N, C-alpha and C. Protein backbone atom coordinates (compact mmCIF):
# COMPACT_ATOMS: atom_id res chain seq x y z
N MET A 1 0.84 -1.18 0.00
CA MET A 1 0.00 0.00 0.00
C MET A 1 0.88 1.25 0.00
N THR A 2 0.61 2.18 -0.90
CA THR A 2 1.41 3.39 -0.98
C THR A 2 0.73 4.52 -0.23
N THR A 3 1.54 5.42 0.27
CA THR A 3 1.03 6.60 0.96
C THR A 3 0.71 7.65 -0.09
N PRO A 4 -0.49 8.27 0.01
CA PRO A 4 -0.78 9.34 -0.96
C PRO A 4 0.17 10.51 -0.76
N ALA A 5 0.41 11.27 -1.82
CA ALA A 5 1.29 12.43 -1.72
C ALA A 5 0.71 13.43 -0.73
N TRP A 6 1.59 14.03 0.05
CA TRP A 6 1.19 14.99 1.06
C TRP A 6 0.96 16.37 0.45
N THR A 7 0.16 17.17 1.14
CA THR A 7 0.07 18.59 0.90
C THR A 7 0.49 19.27 2.20
N VAL A 8 0.72 20.56 2.16
CA VAL A 8 1.09 21.28 3.38
C VAL A 8 0.01 21.08 4.44
N ARG A 9 -1.24 21.18 4.04
CA ARG A 9 -2.34 21.10 5.00
C ARG A 9 -2.54 19.68 5.54
N SER A 10 -2.42 18.67 4.68
CA SER A 10 -2.60 17.30 5.17
C SER A 10 -1.45 16.89 6.09
N LEU A 11 -0.25 17.38 5.80
CA LEU A 11 0.89 17.09 6.66
C LEU A 11 0.73 17.81 8.00
N LYS A 12 0.26 19.03 7.98
CA LYS A 12 0.00 19.76 9.23
C LYS A 12 -1.00 19.01 10.09
N THR A 13 -2.08 18.54 9.48
CA THR A 13 -3.09 17.78 10.21
C THR A 13 -2.50 16.51 10.81
N ALA A 14 -1.72 15.79 10.02
CA ALA A 14 -1.12 14.54 10.51
C ALA A 14 -0.16 14.80 11.66
N LEU A 15 0.64 15.86 11.56
CA LEU A 15 1.59 16.17 12.63
C LEU A 15 0.90 16.70 13.87
N SER A 16 -0.29 17.25 13.72
CA SER A 16 -1.02 17.84 14.84
C SER A 16 -2.01 16.90 15.48
N ASP A 17 -2.14 15.69 14.98
CA ASP A 17 -3.15 14.75 15.48
C ASP A 17 -2.74 14.03 16.76
N GLY A 18 -1.96 14.68 17.60
CA GLY A 18 -1.63 14.13 18.90
C GLY A 18 -0.62 13.00 18.88
N LEU A 19 0.11 12.85 17.78
CA LEU A 19 1.14 11.81 17.72
C LEU A 19 2.24 12.06 18.73
N THR A 20 2.55 13.32 18.93
CA THR A 20 3.66 13.67 19.80
C THR A 20 3.49 15.08 20.33
N ASP A 21 3.92 15.29 21.56
CA ASP A 21 3.96 16.64 22.13
C ASP A 21 5.31 17.29 21.82
N ALA A 22 6.16 16.58 21.12
CA ALA A 22 7.51 17.06 20.84
C ALA A 22 7.55 18.17 19.80
N LEU A 23 6.44 18.38 19.08
CA LEU A 23 6.43 19.40 18.04
C LEU A 23 5.04 19.98 17.86
N THR A 24 5.00 21.18 17.30
CA THR A 24 3.75 21.77 16.84
C THR A 24 3.98 22.23 15.40
N ALA A 25 2.90 22.29 14.66
CA ALA A 25 3.00 22.67 13.26
C ALA A 25 1.90 23.68 12.94
N ARG A 26 2.27 24.68 12.14
CA ARG A 26 1.27 25.64 11.67
C ARG A 26 1.59 26.03 10.24
N VAL A 27 0.54 26.32 9.49
CA VAL A 27 0.69 26.72 8.10
C VAL A 27 0.96 28.21 8.05
N VAL A 28 1.99 28.59 7.30
CA VAL A 28 2.30 29.99 7.05
C VAL A 28 1.84 30.28 5.63
N GLU A 29 0.83 31.13 5.53
CA GLU A 29 0.24 31.43 4.22
C GLU A 29 1.16 32.33 3.41
N GLY A 30 1.10 32.16 2.12
CA GLY A 30 1.88 32.96 1.18
C GLY A 30 1.54 32.50 -0.21
N ALA A 31 2.30 32.93 -1.19
CA ALA A 31 2.06 32.49 -2.56
C ALA A 31 2.07 30.97 -2.61
N ASP A 32 3.04 30.37 -1.94
CA ASP A 32 3.10 28.93 -1.75
C ASP A 32 3.15 28.70 -0.24
N PRO A 33 2.05 28.22 0.35
CA PRO A 33 2.05 28.02 1.80
C PRO A 33 3.14 27.03 2.23
N ILE A 34 3.71 27.28 3.39
CA ILE A 34 4.70 26.37 3.95
C ILE A 34 4.27 25.99 5.35
N LEU A 35 4.89 24.98 5.87
CA LEU A 35 4.61 24.51 7.22
C LEU A 35 5.77 24.93 8.11
N LEU A 36 5.45 25.54 9.24
CA LEU A 36 6.46 25.89 10.23
C LEU A 36 6.31 24.90 11.37
N VAL A 37 7.31 24.06 11.55
CA VAL A 37 7.29 23.03 12.58
C VAL A 37 8.24 23.46 13.69
N THR A 38 7.71 23.57 14.90
CA THR A 38 8.52 23.93 16.06
C THR A 38 8.83 22.66 16.83
N MET A 39 10.12 22.37 16.96
CA MET A 39 10.59 21.15 17.61
C MET A 39 10.85 21.44 19.09
N HIS A 40 9.89 21.15 19.95
CA HIS A 40 9.98 21.49 21.37
C HIS A 40 11.09 20.73 22.08
N ASP A 41 11.32 19.50 21.71
CA ASP A 41 12.39 18.71 22.34
C ASP A 41 13.78 19.14 21.88
N HIS A 42 13.83 20.10 20.99
CA HIS A 42 15.10 20.59 20.46
C HIS A 42 15.18 22.11 20.63
N GLY A 43 14.77 22.58 21.80
CA GLY A 43 14.87 24.01 22.13
C GLY A 43 13.96 24.90 21.32
N ASP A 44 12.81 24.39 20.89
CA ASP A 44 11.86 25.14 20.06
C ASP A 44 12.46 25.56 18.72
N LEU A 45 13.34 24.73 18.20
CA LEU A 45 13.94 24.97 16.89
C LEU A 45 12.83 24.98 15.84
N GLU A 46 12.91 25.94 14.93
CA GLU A 46 11.90 26.04 13.87
C GLU A 46 12.43 25.44 12.57
N ILE A 47 11.62 24.56 12.00
CA ILE A 47 11.94 23.92 10.73
C ILE A 47 10.87 24.33 9.73
N PHE A 48 11.31 24.79 8.58
CA PHE A 48 10.39 25.18 7.51
C PHE A 48 10.23 24.00 6.56
N VAL A 49 8.99 23.65 6.27
CA VAL A 49 8.71 22.49 5.42
C VAL A 49 7.86 22.94 4.23
N SER A 50 8.35 22.64 3.04
CA SER A 50 7.56 22.89 1.84
C SER A 50 7.21 21.56 1.21
N VAL A 51 6.07 21.54 0.55
CA VAL A 51 5.59 20.31 -0.07
C VAL A 51 5.23 20.62 -1.53
N SER A 52 5.76 19.81 -2.43
CA SER A 52 5.41 19.95 -3.84
C SER A 52 5.11 18.57 -4.41
N ASP A 53 4.79 18.53 -5.68
CA ASP A 53 4.54 17.25 -6.34
C ASP A 53 5.80 16.40 -6.42
N GLN A 54 6.97 17.05 -6.40
CA GLN A 54 8.24 16.33 -6.56
C GLN A 54 8.92 15.96 -5.25
N GLN A 55 8.71 16.75 -4.18
CA GLN A 55 9.43 16.48 -2.94
C GLN A 55 8.83 17.21 -1.74
N ILE A 56 9.22 16.74 -0.58
CA ILE A 56 9.00 17.44 0.67
C ILE A 56 10.38 17.93 1.08
N ALA A 57 10.53 19.23 1.30
CA ALA A 57 11.81 19.80 1.69
C ALA A 57 11.67 20.42 3.08
N ALA A 58 12.62 20.10 3.95
CA ALA A 58 12.63 20.65 5.30
C ALA A 58 13.95 21.38 5.49
N SER A 59 13.91 22.59 6.08
CA SER A 59 15.14 23.35 6.25
C SER A 59 15.16 24.14 7.54
N VAL A 60 16.38 24.37 8.02
CA VAL A 60 16.63 25.15 9.23
C VAL A 60 17.67 26.21 8.87
N LEU A 61 17.38 27.46 9.21
CA LEU A 61 18.39 28.50 9.06
C LEU A 61 19.35 28.39 10.23
N LEU A 62 20.64 28.48 9.95
CA LEU A 62 21.65 28.32 10.99
C LEU A 62 22.16 29.66 11.50
N TRP A 63 23.00 30.34 10.73
CA TRP A 63 23.53 31.64 11.14
C TRP A 63 23.89 32.42 9.89
N PRO A 64 23.99 33.75 10.00
CA PRO A 64 24.31 34.57 8.83
C PRO A 64 25.71 34.27 8.29
N VAL A 65 25.81 34.18 6.99
CA VAL A 65 27.08 33.89 6.32
C VAL A 65 28.12 34.96 6.67
N ASP A 66 27.68 36.22 6.74
CA ASP A 66 28.65 37.29 6.99
C ASP A 66 29.20 37.29 8.41
N GLU A 67 28.68 36.44 9.28
CA GLU A 67 29.22 36.31 10.63
C GLU A 67 30.24 35.18 10.75
N GLN A 68 30.42 34.42 9.68
CA GLN A 68 31.35 33.30 9.71
C GLN A 68 32.76 33.79 9.40
N GLU A 69 33.66 33.53 10.33
CA GLU A 69 35.06 33.89 10.11
C GLU A 69 35.60 33.06 8.95
N ASP A 70 36.31 33.68 8.05
CA ASP A 70 36.91 33.05 6.87
C ASP A 70 35.88 32.16 6.17
N ARG A 71 34.83 32.79 5.70
CA ARG A 71 33.71 32.03 5.12
C ARG A 71 34.10 31.20 3.91
N HIS A 72 35.08 31.64 3.14
CA HIS A 72 35.47 30.85 1.96
C HIS A 72 36.09 29.52 2.38
N ALA A 73 36.96 29.55 3.38
CA ALA A 73 37.54 28.31 3.89
C ALA A 73 36.46 27.45 4.56
N PHE A 74 35.53 28.09 5.25
CA PHE A 74 34.45 27.35 5.90
C PHE A 74 33.55 26.68 4.86
N ASN A 75 33.23 27.39 3.79
CA ASN A 75 32.40 26.81 2.72
C ASN A 75 33.08 25.58 2.11
N GLU A 76 34.38 25.67 1.88
CA GLU A 76 35.11 24.51 1.35
C GLU A 76 35.08 23.36 2.34
N PHE A 77 35.26 23.68 3.61
CA PHE A 77 35.19 22.66 4.66
C PHE A 77 33.82 21.97 4.66
N LEU A 78 32.73 22.76 4.54
CA LEU A 78 31.38 22.18 4.52
C LEU A 78 31.20 21.23 3.34
N LEU A 79 31.69 21.64 2.18
CA LEU A 79 31.55 20.78 1.01
C LEU A 79 32.29 19.46 1.19
N LYS A 80 33.44 19.51 1.84
CA LYS A 80 34.21 18.29 2.07
C LYS A 80 33.61 17.44 3.18
N ALA A 81 32.99 18.07 4.17
CA ALA A 81 32.44 17.34 5.32
C ALA A 81 31.01 16.89 5.09
N GLN A 82 30.43 17.27 3.99
CA GLN A 82 29.01 17.01 3.71
C GLN A 82 28.60 15.56 3.94
N LYS A 83 29.45 14.63 3.61
CA LYS A 83 29.12 13.21 3.71
C LYS A 83 28.98 12.73 5.15
N LEU A 84 29.45 13.54 6.10
CA LEU A 84 29.44 13.13 7.51
C LEU A 84 28.15 13.52 8.24
N VAL A 85 27.25 14.21 7.57
CA VAL A 85 26.02 14.68 8.20
C VAL A 85 24.86 13.85 7.66
N PRO A 86 24.32 12.93 8.47
CA PRO A 86 23.28 12.03 7.95
C PRO A 86 21.98 12.74 7.62
N LEU A 87 21.41 12.40 6.48
CA LEU A 87 20.09 12.85 6.03
C LEU A 87 19.96 14.36 5.87
N SER A 88 21.06 15.09 5.83
CA SER A 88 21.00 16.55 5.74
C SER A 88 22.08 17.07 4.81
N ASN A 89 21.81 18.25 4.25
CA ASN A 89 22.76 18.91 3.37
C ASN A 89 22.89 20.37 3.80
N PHE A 90 24.08 20.94 3.58
CA PHE A 90 24.29 22.36 3.86
C PHE A 90 24.03 23.16 2.60
N GLY A 91 23.56 24.37 2.78
CA GLY A 91 23.37 25.29 1.68
C GLY A 91 23.40 26.71 2.20
N ILE A 92 23.18 27.64 1.31
CA ILE A 92 23.07 29.05 1.67
C ILE A 92 21.75 29.54 1.11
N SER A 93 20.97 30.21 1.94
CA SER A 93 19.67 30.72 1.54
C SER A 93 19.60 32.20 1.86
N THR A 94 18.97 32.97 0.99
CA THR A 94 18.83 34.40 1.21
C THR A 94 17.48 34.67 1.86
N VAL A 95 17.52 35.39 2.96
CA VAL A 95 16.30 35.83 3.66
C VAL A 95 16.40 37.35 3.76
N GLY A 96 15.44 38.03 3.16
CA GLY A 96 15.56 39.49 3.07
C GLY A 96 16.76 39.82 2.21
N ASP A 97 17.66 40.59 2.74
CA ASP A 97 18.87 40.96 2.01
C ASP A 97 20.12 40.28 2.57
N ARG A 98 19.92 39.20 3.32
CA ARG A 98 21.06 38.58 4.01
C ARG A 98 21.12 37.09 3.70
N ASP A 99 22.33 36.58 3.50
CA ASP A 99 22.53 35.15 3.27
C ASP A 99 22.74 34.43 4.59
N TYR A 100 22.15 33.24 4.71
CA TYR A 100 22.26 32.42 5.90
C TYR A 100 22.71 31.02 5.51
N TYR A 101 23.53 30.41 6.38
CA TYR A 101 23.78 28.99 6.22
C TYR A 101 22.49 28.27 6.58
N GLU A 102 22.25 27.21 5.86
CA GLU A 102 21.00 26.46 6.02
C GLU A 102 21.34 24.98 6.02
N LEU A 103 20.57 24.23 6.77
CA LEU A 103 20.68 22.78 6.75
C LEU A 103 19.34 22.28 6.26
N PHE A 104 19.34 21.36 5.29
CA PHE A 104 18.07 20.91 4.74
C PHE A 104 18.11 19.43 4.39
N GLY A 105 16.93 18.89 4.25
CA GLY A 105 16.77 17.51 3.84
C GLY A 105 15.55 17.40 2.94
N GLU A 106 15.50 16.36 2.15
CA GLU A 106 14.38 16.15 1.24
C GLU A 106 13.86 14.73 1.37
N LEU A 107 12.57 14.61 1.10
CA LEU A 107 11.92 13.30 1.08
C LEU A 107 10.99 13.23 -0.12
N ALA A 108 10.63 12.03 -0.49
CA ALA A 108 9.64 11.84 -1.56
C ALA A 108 8.28 12.34 -1.06
N PRO A 109 7.46 12.87 -1.95
CA PRO A 109 6.16 13.41 -1.52
C PRO A 109 5.21 12.34 -0.97
N ALA A 110 5.49 11.07 -1.22
CA ALA A 110 4.64 9.99 -0.69
C ALA A 110 5.32 9.27 0.48
N SER A 111 6.28 9.93 1.12
CA SER A 111 6.96 9.33 2.28
C SER A 111 5.96 9.09 3.40
N SER A 112 6.24 8.08 4.21
CA SER A 112 5.35 7.80 5.34
C SER A 112 5.51 8.87 6.40
N LEU A 113 4.52 9.01 7.25
CA LEU A 113 4.59 9.97 8.34
C LEU A 113 5.77 9.64 9.26
N ASP A 114 6.01 8.36 9.50
CA ASP A 114 7.16 7.95 10.32
C ASP A 114 8.48 8.44 9.71
N ASP A 115 8.62 8.31 8.39
CA ASP A 115 9.84 8.78 7.73
C ASP A 115 9.98 10.30 7.84
N ILE A 116 8.87 11.00 7.73
CA ILE A 116 8.90 12.47 7.86
C ILE A 116 9.30 12.86 9.28
N LEU A 117 8.77 12.18 10.27
CA LEU A 117 9.14 12.46 11.66
C LEU A 117 10.63 12.19 11.91
N ILE A 118 11.14 11.11 11.33
CA ILE A 118 12.58 10.81 11.45
C ILE A 118 13.39 11.94 10.83
N GLU A 119 13.02 12.37 9.64
CA GLU A 119 13.73 13.45 8.96
C GLU A 119 13.73 14.72 9.81
N LEU A 120 12.59 15.08 10.39
CA LEU A 120 12.50 16.28 11.21
C LEU A 120 13.39 16.18 12.44
N ARG A 121 13.38 15.02 13.11
CA ARG A 121 14.22 14.84 14.30
C ARG A 121 15.71 14.89 13.96
N VAL A 122 16.10 14.19 12.91
CA VAL A 122 17.51 14.15 12.51
C VAL A 122 17.96 15.54 12.06
N LEU A 123 17.13 16.23 11.31
CA LEU A 123 17.47 17.58 10.87
C LEU A 123 17.66 18.51 12.07
N ALA A 124 16.77 18.41 13.05
CA ALA A 124 16.88 19.23 14.26
C ALA A 124 18.18 18.91 15.01
N GLU A 125 18.47 17.64 15.18
CA GLU A 125 19.70 17.24 15.88
C GLU A 125 20.94 17.71 15.12
N ASN A 126 20.94 17.56 13.81
CA ASN A 126 22.08 17.99 13.00
C ASN A 126 22.26 19.51 13.06
N ALA A 127 21.14 20.25 13.04
CA ALA A 127 21.22 21.71 13.09
C ALA A 127 21.78 22.19 14.42
N ILE A 128 21.35 21.58 15.51
CA ILE A 128 21.87 21.96 16.82
C ILE A 128 23.35 21.64 16.92
N GLU A 129 23.72 20.47 16.44
CA GLU A 129 25.14 20.09 16.46
C GLU A 129 25.97 21.03 15.60
N ALA A 130 25.46 21.38 14.42
CA ALA A 130 26.20 22.28 13.54
C ALA A 130 26.34 23.65 14.17
N ALA A 131 25.27 24.15 14.78
CA ALA A 131 25.32 25.48 15.38
C ALA A 131 26.22 25.54 16.59
N SER A 132 26.26 24.47 17.36
CA SER A 132 27.07 24.51 18.58
C SER A 132 28.49 24.04 18.35
N ASP A 133 28.68 22.95 17.65
CA ASP A 133 30.02 22.37 17.50
C ASP A 133 30.75 22.86 16.25
N LEU A 134 30.09 22.77 15.12
CA LEU A 134 30.75 23.06 13.85
C LEU A 134 31.15 24.53 13.75
N ARG A 135 30.22 25.40 14.08
CA ARG A 135 30.49 26.84 13.93
C ARG A 135 31.62 27.28 14.85
N SER A 136 31.57 26.86 16.10
CA SER A 136 32.55 27.35 17.08
C SER A 136 33.90 26.66 16.95
N SER A 137 33.92 25.42 16.46
CA SER A 137 35.19 24.69 16.43
C SER A 137 35.93 24.82 15.11
N PHE A 138 35.30 25.40 14.09
CA PHE A 138 35.97 25.51 12.80
C PHE A 138 37.11 26.51 12.88
N THR A 139 38.27 26.04 12.53
CA THR A 139 39.43 26.91 12.39
C THR A 139 40.09 26.57 11.07
N PRO A 140 40.25 27.54 10.23
CA PRO A 140 40.85 27.26 8.92
C PRO A 140 42.24 26.68 9.06
N ALA A 141 42.58 25.80 8.12
CA ALA A 141 43.91 25.15 8.15
C ALA A 141 45.00 26.13 7.77
């Protein structure tokens, strides 16, 4: 049996149906509505989730690029270390007029709710680890 493809609203309903007190989800309206998932067990970390016919994408903004010491060396380090971060990828996203490091993951639009919950938890854990360990411990060679 296959899972039907999710929409932002059906995913919000599924995540809000009392499965867990570890998170809350709300729809943020816009040209393309997105889901804002607050991970309570991870310091109220906010994860942005978009849903399309091709994928479910979840992302966390980390810190502004212009605050990273030696950002060019750090960017190269991220590209080389990418394989060490399970189920997540680093990128840069522009919010307003500022670039931010971002951690994101993708799933198939027909992924099970259990798989989506795993992705959200792993993404939250990876984001916290990146923000606390990776950012502060990076020293260019």
